[in-house]
Structure formats: C-alpha cells, structure tokens
Amino acid sequence: MASVGQGMQVELVDLCKQFAGKTALENLRLSMRSGELVSLLGPSGCGKTTTLRIIAGFETPDSGAVLIGGQDIVATPPARRGMGVVFQHYALFPHLSAWNNIAFGMKIAGRSRADIARRVPELLELVGLGDSGSKHPHEMSGGQQQRIALVRALAIEPRMLLLDEPLSALDAVVRVALRDEIRRIQTSLGITALYVTHDQEEALAISDRVVVMRDGRIEQVGTAEDIYSRPASTFVAGFIGKMNQLRGRVVDSARGLVQCGSHLLRVPTEQTTKLTAGSDITVLVRPEAITVVSGPATLPDQASDNCNALVARVDLITFLGSVKRVGFDAAGHYVVADVPAGAAQVIRCGDSALLTFPVDVCRVLITDPSRHSADRVAAPITRTRES
C-alpha cells in the first residue's frame, strides 16, 4: 500500500483574520494530535474554510501562529508547506489522464520517473481505480474524479491532508461511500487531516473529533458522541441533529425542578445544584428519547422522580423512512418525537398523546449574555478534551 509522510501534530494559536473590517476568525485556538482526523463544522461564514486556507498558506492571518510539528509555518510559502489539499470541485486538469493528474505534483516535486511509475499505480489501486489510469476527467463519474483528486493530494506524501467540502458536489449515495473511503485511507495511512464541512452527519461519521464553529469562534470541541449527547450551547444543540428546546426557570435547584410554561419538569440535580431559584434555563431533549402513547391522555397523579410527562396534541407527522417524526403542541411548547415507522400504534394529526422522557436524558443550559447571548451548559460542566 502507498504511504505518506507520518502524521504531524498541529496547533493553531490565537488565529485572527478580518476581511474588509469583518471578523472571520477571532483568537481561534485548536490542537490536533498526530494521525487525527478533525472536522470543522458550521454554517456558511463561520470561518471554517478560512481556517483551512490559512493552514494551507492561501491566506495569511492578521495575527497568530500555525505550528506543524512545533514549527510556525505562517511565513512559509504554500508550495513549501507540504500540504495535500482536496477541493470541493475536484480541480483536475481536464487535458490530463487520471495517471498524469496524480503524477503531476510528484513531477513538480522532482521525484524520479521510477518512483512515479511505482507510486501512481499503487495510489490508483488504493481507491479502487487501478484500471482507470488512462481515463480523462470527462470520462469518469464525479465520485471517481474525487477519488483521483484525493490520491493526487496523497501522492506528494504530505505532512497533512486538508479537505475543503470534498463531497458536497456528489449525490447522497456516492457521498456516503466516498466519505467512508476517505476515512479508511486516512486511518490506514495515519495522516493528520482537517476536514471542512457543513454536513453534520458527515462530520459525526468521519471524525475523531468535531469542532463546531460560529462567527469565527469555536463553540465546542469533542467527539461525535460528546457533541451530539452533551451540546455546550443551544447553537450546538440546534445545529447537530434535531433537539427540543424547552425554555423555563429553575423552581427548586436541590430537587432538580424546573418550570417550562405550564409544565413542571425534573432534570438531573447535578445540573441545577449551583443555580438559584428563578434562573433562566433551557431544557434540551432529543426526539428519540421521547416515548409517545397515543389516545386520550392525562398526566399521572404524581410526578415521577425518574420520568417526565407532557400531555400534547399531534400537529404534524413526517415520514423519514425508519421513523416518523411527530410534532406536538404541548401547551405552547412545540415538541418533536421520533416514533418507529413500524410501530403498532396509529398516530393521526389532532390526536391527544402522552409524551414521556426520562429525567437523565435532559440537558440543562443557562443564559450567558457575555457570549453571543447564547445558552451555555449549566454547572457542573462535562468538559471535552481539546488536545
């Protein structure tokens, strides 16, 4: 199997960048371990592509450092950084065959003809295109072209692999297959990789860690499970998957009681012990954590210490294949629950239902006006490792 340069440790230190007076990055700090694949995830304009371009050398930060193996490369020209870059739109040379597209960078780097003749077939085999070396880009599918773009970036044995929305131009089925291929190759070669995407599923599926960005800052860094199950803000909670957000106030912090409109809910006490009565909070609950019992519904006579219950009316039903996503009007709160598509119970719009969810699936956030006016995790915080 073809090899690349050993994965390098990468550290971004206080990166700042403005364009026409508008902040693109603000004191961004991030460490990447050798051989790790980290995804930058966020909406358009959050700074993820600017970060990648600064590492590649296509942009210069206004301040800050980019350390590769402990060495600051900000002043190093792009051609001398040893970065392999895969772009969104392939950027293959249309007049060159797949074989020559892969060989191009090796020729520029001064590799011998014998080395090129040995490595190009290896790289074609690596992505399952061993018999396609003579084809030109117009003779290949989008997925095949992106495979060639990937191994072209690997051919120069880069210190780091940078992927900028590499799958966004492909159809859904090809995207899934190729993202798995990218992960397999990155893992087998042990190369450090930065993957830029706005697709949450893609980031969760492919990454060792996910970096959620907003307005040039990092909102949260963590594993896919950390980001999904323990979001640090309502922005992260809303951006990663579907999340119910029930706004309310703390009633009894010692007992974990919160009032969300007309609903008295219990939440894990460790998330409220440092809060005072009357504190504004948001309770987060994933749709898959909610159990739906359709039919005439009333609340239990006594609140359970382990489970919450809401009476609601079915407002919208959306078929999503394996599940039906059901929207409910719960006394002024809009709540979404996922019900298995093959469930025996019949749910119709306008029906009453009882919604129940365990106390321990609730995530409590408090309002912090000092940061984007966003909700933040209630103390004590479950921290995610950033290095």
Protein backbone atom coordinates (compact mmCIF):
# COMPACT_ATOMS: atom_id res chain seq x y z
CA MET A 1 0.00 0.00 0.00
CA ALA A 2 1.20 3.53 -0.75
CA SER A 3 2.45 5.54 2.18
CA VAL A 4 2.56 9.20 3.04
CA GLY A 5 4.54 11.35 5.40
CA GLN A 6 3.99 10.49 9.06
CA GLY A 7 1.09 12.37 10.63
CA MET A 8 2.12 15.61 12.28
CA GLN A 9 0.88 17.35 15.40
CA VAL A 10 -0.84 20.63 14.51
CA GLU A 11 -1.57 23.61 16.74
CA LEU A 12 -3.44 26.79 15.83
CA VAL A 13 -2.64 29.58 18.27
CA ASP A 14 -4.83 32.69 18.59
CA LEU A 15 -5.58 32.99 14.88
CA CYS A 16 -7.28 36.26 13.92
CA LYS A 17 -8.42 37.29 10.45
CA GLN A 18 -10.59 40.08 9.09
CA PHE A 19 -11.89 40.75 5.59
CA ALA A 20 -12.95 44.33 4.82
CA GLY A 21 -13.35 45.05 8.52
CA LYS A 22 -15.47 41.96 9.17
CA THR A 23 -14.13 39.36 11.58
CA ALA A 24 -13.62 35.93 10.02
CA LEU A 25 -11.61 34.40 12.86
CA GLU A 26 -11.26 35.64 16.44
CA ASN A 27 -8.49 34.21 18.63
CA LEU A 28 -9.03 30.69 17.33
CA ARG A 29 -7.11 28.02 19.25
CA LEU A 30 -7.08 24.33 18.32
CA SER A 31 -4.72 21.40 18.78
CA MET A 32 -4.73 18.31 16.56
CA ARG A 33 -2.97 15.12 17.53
CA SER A 34 -0.75 13.24 15.09
CA GLY A 35 -2.83 10.98 12.84
CA GLU A 36 -6.13 12.53 13.93
CA LEU A 37 -9.00 13.49 11.63
CA VAL A 38 -10.71 16.66 12.85
CA SER A 39 -13.76 18.16 11.17
CA LEU A 40 -14.58 21.85 11.18
CA LEU A 41 -18.38 22.05 11.16
CA GLY A 42 -20.60 25.09 10.98
CA PRO A 43 -22.82 27.28 8.81
CA SER A 44 -21.57 29.34 5.87
CA GLY A 45 -19.44 32.25 7.01
CA CYS A 46 -18.41 30.73 10.35
CA GLY A 47 -14.69 30.72 9.46
CA LYS A 48 -14.05 27.04 8.77
CA THR A 49 -12.74 27.44 5.20
CA THR A 50 -10.70 30.49 6.23
CA THR A 51 -9.03 28.32 8.86
CA LEU A 52 -8.17 25.66 6.27
CA ARG A 53 -6.85 28.25 3.82
CA ILE A 54 -4.60 29.74 6.50
CA ILE A 55 -3.11 26.31 7.25
CA ALA A 56 -2.60 25.70 3.52
CA GLY A 57 -0.96 29.11 3.09
CA PHE A 58 -3.61 30.53 0.74
CA GLU A 59 -4.50 33.17 3.35
CA THR A 60 -2.28 34.97 5.86
CA PRO A 61 -3.65 35.54 9.37
CA ASP A 62 -3.66 39.05 10.78
CA SER A 63 -2.11 37.55 13.92
CA GLY A 64 -1.49 34.16 15.49
CA ALA A 65 0.57 31.10 14.65
CA VAL A 66 0.21 27.80 12.81
CA LEU A 67 2.52 25.20 14.36
CA ILE A 68 3.23 21.98 12.46
CA GLY A 69 5.41 19.64 14.47
CA GLY A 70 6.20 22.60 16.73
CA GLN A 71 7.37 24.89 13.90
CA ASP A 72 5.47 28.07 12.96
CA ILE A 73 4.78 27.96 9.20
CA VAL A 74 2.85 31.24 8.79
CA ALA A 75 5.74 32.79 6.81
CA THR A 76 6.36 29.63 4.76
CA PRO A 77 5.11 29.76 1.12
CA PRO A 78 2.28 27.30 0.31
CA ALA A 79 4.45 25.24 -2.04
CA ARG A 80 6.93 24.55 0.76
CA ARG A 81 4.41 23.57 3.44
CA GLY A 82 3.94 20.01 2.25
CA MET A 83 0.15 20.12 2.43
CA GLY A 84 -2.14 17.89 0.41
CA VAL A 85 -5.34 19.76 -0.47
CA VAL A 86 -8.58 18.29 -1.82
CA PHE A 87 -11.03 20.86 -3.12
CA GLN A 88 -14.81 20.84 -3.43
CA HIS A 89 -14.84 20.84 -7.24
CA TYR A 90 -12.01 18.32 -7.89
CA ALA A 91 -9.74 20.82 -9.72
CA LEU A 92 -8.37 18.10 -12.01
CA PHE A 93 -6.53 19.05 -15.19
CA PRO A 94 -9.07 18.21 -17.94
CA HIS A 95 -6.41 17.58 -20.62
CA LEU A 96 -4.51 15.06 -18.48
CA SER A 97 -5.36 11.44 -17.82
CA ALA A 98 -6.02 10.22 -14.28
CA TRP A 99 -2.49 8.77 -14.23
CA ASN A 100 -0.91 12.09 -15.22
CA ASN A 101 -3.10 14.08 -12.84
CA ILE A 102 -1.74 12.00 -9.98
CA ALA A 103 1.84 12.21 -11.28
CA PHE A 104 1.76 15.99 -11.79
CA GLY A 105 2.61 17.01 -8.23
CA MET A 106 5.30 14.36 -7.98
CA LYS A 107 6.97 15.71 -11.13
CA ILE A 108 6.90 19.26 -9.73
CA ALA A 109 8.47 17.93 -6.52
CA GLY A 110 11.32 16.43 -8.56
CA ARG A 111 10.53 12.75 -7.98
CA SER A 112 12.28 10.28 -10.25
CA ARG A 113 10.50 8.60 -13.15
CA ALA A 114 10.96 5.25 -11.47
CA ASP A 115 9.36 6.50 -8.24
CA ILE A 116 6.42 7.98 -10.14
CA ALA A 117 5.97 4.81 -12.20
CA ARG A 118 5.84 2.77 -8.98
CA ARG A 119 3.64 5.00 -6.84
CA VAL A 120 0.91 6.08 -9.29
CA PRO A 121 -0.41 2.51 -9.83
CA GLU A 122 -0.27 1.96 -6.05
CA LEU A 123 -2.41 5.05 -5.46
CA LEU A 124 -4.89 4.09 -8.18
CA GLU A 125 -5.29 0.69 -6.53
CA LEU A 126 -5.72 2.38 -3.14
CA VAL A 127 -9.00 3.93 -4.32
CA GLY A 128 -10.15 1.03 -6.48
CA LEU A 129 -9.36 2.65 -9.83
CA GLY A 130 -6.44 0.52 -10.93
CA ASP A 131 -7.85 0.14 -14.45
CA SER A 132 -8.79 3.82 -14.92
CA GLY A 133 -5.36 5.44 -15.22
CA SER A 134 -5.79 6.24 -18.92
CA LYS A 135 -9.19 7.90 -18.50
CA HIS A 136 -9.60 11.67 -18.64
CA PRO A 137 -11.81 13.53 -16.13
CA HIS A 138 -14.72 13.84 -18.56
CA GLU A 139 -14.75 10.05 -18.89
CA MET A 140 -15.16 9.49 -15.13
CA SER A 141 -18.06 9.95 -12.72
CA GLY A 142 -17.99 12.62 -10.04
CA GLY A 143 -17.09 10.07 -7.38
CA GLN A 144 -14.23 8.70 -9.47
CA GLN A 145 -12.91 12.21 -10.13
CA GLN A 146 -12.92 12.99 -6.42
CA ARG A 147 -11.02 9.74 -5.73
CA ILE A 148 -8.37 10.87 -8.20
CA ALA A 149 -8.25 14.29 -6.54
CA LEU A 150 -7.76 12.58 -3.18
CA VAL A 151 -4.85 10.36 -4.24
CA ARG A 152 -3.28 13.25 -6.18
CA ALA A 153 -3.12 15.09 -2.85
CA LEU A 154 -1.61 11.99 -1.21
CA ALA A 155 0.94 11.40 -3.98
CA ILE A 156 3.29 14.10 -2.71
CA GLU A 157 3.43 12.38 0.71
CA PRO A 158 2.00 15.43 2.52
CA ARG A 159 2.65 16.34 6.14
CA MET A 160 -1.09 16.99 6.49
CA LEU A 161 -4.24 16.44 4.43
CA LEU A 162 -6.72 19.30 4.04
CA LEU A 163 -10.19 18.57 2.64
CA ASP A 164 -12.47 21.50 1.80
CA GLU A 165 -16.11 20.33 1.40
CA PRO A 166 -14.84 17.46 -0.78
CA LEU A 167 -18.18 15.65 -1.13
CA SER A 168 -20.71 18.46 -1.42
CA ALA A 169 -20.99 18.21 -5.22
CA LEU A 170 -21.83 14.49 -5.14
CA ASP A 171 -25.17 12.72 -4.79
CA ALA A 172 -26.16 11.22 -1.43
CA VAL A 173 -25.28 7.59 -2.13
CA VAL A 174 -21.84 8.42 -3.54
CA ARG A 175 -21.17 10.82 -0.64
CA VAL A 176 -21.67 8.08 1.94
CA ALA A 177 -19.46 5.61 0.06
CA LEU A 178 -16.68 8.11 -0.54
CA ARG A 179 -16.68 9.55 2.99
CA ASP A 180 -16.11 6.00 4.29
CA GLU A 181 -13.33 5.57 1.73
CA ILE A 182 -11.65 8.80 2.87
CA ARG A 183 -11.81 7.67 6.49
CA ARG A 184 -10.41 4.23 5.64
CA ILE A 185 -7.48 5.71 3.72
CA GLN A 186 -6.74 8.37 6.35
CA THR A 187 -6.76 5.80 9.13
CA SER A 188 -4.64 3.25 7.26
CA LEU A 189 -2.02 5.86 6.32
CA GLY A 190 -2.01 7.56 9.73
CA ILE A 191 -2.03 11.04 8.23
CA THR A 192 -3.27 14.07 10.17
CA ALA A 193 -6.32 15.50 8.38
CA LEU A 194 -8.56 18.55 8.64
CA TYR A 195 -11.98 18.12 7.06
CA VAL A 196 -14.22 21.14 6.39
CA THR A 197 -17.94 20.51 6.03
CA HIS A 198 -21.37 21.96 6.75
CA ASP A 199 -22.93 18.47 6.76
CA GLN A 200 -23.45 17.37 10.37
CA GLU A 201 -23.95 13.68 9.54
CA GLU A 202 -20.73 13.67 7.54
CA ALA A 203 -18.78 15.24 10.40
CA LEU A 204 -20.19 12.87 13.02
CA ALA A 205 -19.49 9.80 10.86
CA ILE A 206 -15.94 10.52 9.79
CA SER A 207 -14.20 12.37 12.63
CA ASP A 208 -12.07 11.58 15.64
CA ARG A 209 -13.22 14.97 16.94
CA VAL A 210 -15.64 17.62 15.70
CA VAL A 211 -15.10 21.37 16.02
CA VAL A 212 -18.35 23.33 15.85
CA MET A 213 -17.74 26.93 14.74
CA ARG A 214 -19.84 30.06 14.82
CA ASP A 215 -18.97 33.64 13.84
CA GLY A 216 -15.24 32.95 13.69
CA ARG A 217 -15.11 31.25 17.09
CA ILE A 218 -15.16 27.70 18.36
CA GLU A 219 -18.41 26.82 20.14
CA GLN A 220 -17.42 23.30 21.17
CA VAL A 221 -14.77 20.65 20.54
CA GLY A 222 -15.38 16.98 21.23
CA THR A 223 -16.01 13.50 19.91
CA ALA A 224 -19.13 12.89 17.85
CA GLU A 225 -20.85 11.45 20.92
CA ASP A 226 -19.83 14.44 23.07
CA ILE A 227 -21.17 16.93 20.55
CA TYR A 228 -24.42 15.06 19.99
CA SER A 229 -25.23 13.98 23.53
CA ARG A 230 -23.71 16.83 25.53
CA PRO A 231 -24.01 20.05 23.49
CA ALA A 232 -22.43 23.04 25.22
CA SER A 233 -24.88 25.63 23.85
CA THR A 234 -28.28 25.92 22.20
CA PHE A 235 -26.47 26.77 18.96
CA VAL A 236 -24.64 23.43 19.00
CA ALA A 237 -27.79 21.62 20.12
CA GLY A 238 -29.79 23.10 17.24
CA PHE A 239 -27.07 22.63 14.63
CA ILE A 240 -26.30 18.99 15.43
CA GLY A 241 -29.40 16.92 14.78
CA LYS A 242 -32.90 17.75 15.94
CA MET A 243 -33.25 18.97 19.51
CA ASN A 244 -36.27 20.01 21.58
CA GLN A 245 -35.57 23.21 23.49
CA LEU A 246 -37.96 23.95 26.35
CA ARG A 247 -37.32 27.36 27.89
CA GLY A 248 -38.15 27.91 31.53
CA ARG A 249 -36.88 28.74 35.02
CA VAL A 250 -35.47 26.88 37.98
CA VAL A 251 -38.04 26.22 40.75
CA ASP A 252 -36.07 24.05 43.17
CA SER A 253 -32.39 23.57 42.36
CA ALA A 254 -31.79 20.95 45.06
CA ARG A 255 -34.55 18.71 43.70
CA GLY A 256 -33.91 19.48 40.02
CA LEU A 257 -37.36 21.02 39.45
CA VAL A 258 -37.83 23.47 36.58
CA GLN A 259 -40.93 25.20 35.25
CA CYS A 260 -41.27 25.31 31.46
CA GLY A 261 -44.51 27.18 30.77
CA SER A 262 -47.25 25.13 32.41
CA HIS A 263 -45.01 22.06 32.68
CA LEU A 264 -43.15 21.17 35.87
CA LEU A 265 -40.19 19.01 34.86
CA ARG A 266 -37.45 17.18 36.67
CA VAL A 267 -33.87 17.37 35.43
CA PRO A 268 -30.63 15.84 36.77
CA THR A 269 -29.88 17.57 40.07
CA GLU A 270 -26.16 17.80 39.31
CA GLN A 271 -27.07 20.25 36.55
CA THR A 272 -29.03 22.58 38.85
CA THR A 273 -27.29 22.44 42.25
CA LYS A 274 -25.28 25.60 41.55
CA LEU A 275 -28.26 27.50 40.14
CA THR A 276 -30.63 29.71 42.11
CA ALA A 277 -34.42 29.64 42.00
CA GLY A 278 -35.65 31.83 39.16
CA SER A 279 -32.59 31.27 36.92
CA ASP A 280 -33.50 31.27 33.24
CA ILE A 281 -32.69 27.92 31.64
CA THR A 282 -33.39 25.77 28.59
CA VAL A 283 -34.08 22.06 28.87
CA LEU A 284 -32.81 20.02 25.91
CA VAL A 285 -34.35 16.67 24.96
CA ARG A 286 -33.60 14.63 21.81
CA PRO A 287 -36.64 13.38 19.83
CA GLU A 288 -35.53 9.76 20.06
CA ALA A 289 -35.57 9.96 23.88
CA ILE A 290 -39.34 10.62 23.96
CA THR A 291 -41.90 7.83 24.21
CA VAL A 292 -45.35 8.51 22.70
CA VAL A 293 -48.57 6.95 23.95
CA SER A 294 -51.43 7.99 21.68
CA GLY A 295 -55.07 8.26 22.66
CA PRO A 296 -56.88 10.25 25.39
CA ALA A 297 -54.13 11.39 27.74
CA THR A 298 -53.92 12.76 31.27
CA LEU A 299 -50.93 13.43 33.45
CA PRO A 300 -50.12 10.92 36.19
CA ASP A 301 -51.44 11.77 39.67
CA GLN A 302 -47.91 12.04 40.99
CA ALA A 303 -44.77 13.27 39.26
CA SER A 304 -42.16 10.53 38.90
CA ASP A 305 -38.66 11.00 40.24
CA ASN A 306 -37.28 9.30 37.14
CA CYS A 307 -39.57 10.32 34.29
CA ASN A 308 -41.25 13.44 32.92
CA ALA A 309 -44.68 13.51 31.26
CA LEU A 310 -46.41 16.01 28.98
CA VAL A 311 -49.93 15.98 27.54
CA ALA A 312 -49.84 17.10 23.90
CA ARG A 313 -51.75 17.19 20.63
CA VAL A 314 -50.37 15.81 17.37
CA ASP A 315 -49.69 18.69 15.00
CA LEU A 316 -47.52 17.28 12.17
CA ILE A 317 -46.29 13.86 11.02
CA THR A 318 -43.25 13.49 8.73
CA PHE A 319 -42.18 10.11 7.33
CA LEU A 320 -38.38 9.70 7.43
CA GLY A 321 -38.01 6.05 6.49
CA SER A 322 -37.14 4.15 9.66
CA VAL A 323 -39.01 6.64 11.86
CA LYS A 324 -41.93 9.00 11.77
CA ARG A 325 -41.06 12.42 13.17
CA VAL A 326 -44.14 13.65 15.01
CA GLY A 327 -44.58 17.28 16.03
CA PHE A 328 -46.74 18.05 19.07
CA ASP A 329 -48.32 21.15 20.57
CA ALA A 330 -47.64 20.74 24.29
CA ALA A 331 -49.40 23.71 25.89
CA GLY A 332 -47.45 26.31 23.96
CA HIS A 333 -44.23 24.32 23.52
CA TYR A 334 -43.56 22.62 20.19
CA VAL A 335 -42.12 19.18 20.90
CA VAL A 336 -40.85 16.66 18.35
CA ALA A 337 -40.63 12.90 18.95
CA ASP A 338 -39.36 10.08 16.74
CA VAL A 339 -41.67 7.07 16.55
CA PRO A 340 -40.58 3.81 14.83
CA ALA A 341 -42.24 3.67 11.41
CA GLY A 342 -43.44 0.12 12.06
CA ALA A 343 -44.95 0.85 15.47
CA ALA A 344 -48.31 -0.80 16.09
CA GLN A 345 -49.99 2.32 17.42
CA VAL A 346 -51.69 4.60 14.91
CA ILE A 347 -50.94 8.31 15.27
CA ARG A 348 -53.02 10.92 13.48
CA CYS A 349 -52.94 14.71 13.38
CA GLY A 350 -55.24 16.15 16.02
CA ASP A 351 -54.93 13.15 18.36
CA SER A 352 -54.07 13.58 22.02
CA ALA A 353 -50.99 11.82 23.34
CA LEU A 354 -48.90 11.42 26.44
CA LEU A 355 -45.19 12.16 25.96
CA THR A 356 -42.76 10.73 28.48
CA PHE A 357 -38.99 11.00 28.74
CA PRO A 358 -36.51 10.00 31.47
CA VAL A 359 -35.03 12.65 33.75
CA ASP A 360 -31.48 11.62 32.90
CA VAL A 361 -31.85 12.43 29.17
CA CYS A 362 -32.46 16.10 29.95
CA ARG A 363 -29.65 18.59 29.37
CA VAL A 364 -29.87 21.97 31.13
CA LEU A 365 -28.37 25.17 29.74
CA ILE A 366 -28.21 28.60 31.34
CA THR A 367 -28.08 32.00 29.67
CA ASP A 368 -24.68 33.66 29.41
CA PRO A 369 -25.07 37.19 27.97
CA SER A 370 -21.30 37.59 27.60
CA ARG A 371 -21.05 35.16 24.67
CA HIS A 372 -23.33 35.69 21.68
CA SER A 373 -26.28 35.80 24.12
CA ALA A 374 -26.21 32.01 23.77
CA ASP A 375 -27.23 29.44 26.33
CA ARG A 376 -24.35 27.61 27.92
CA VAL A 377 -24.07 24.40 29.87
CA ALA A 378 -25.27 24.60 33.45
CA ALA A 379 -22.58 23.93 36.05
CA PRO A 380 -21.03 21.50 36.66
CA ILE A 381 -19.79 21.23 33.08
CA THR A 382 -18.89 17.94 31.43
CA ARG A 383 -15.77 19.10 29.62
CA THR A 384 -14.48 17.74 26.33
CA ARG A 385 -10.81 17.22 25.69
CA GLU A 386 -9.28 19.71 23.24
CA SER A 387 -5.84 18.25 22.85
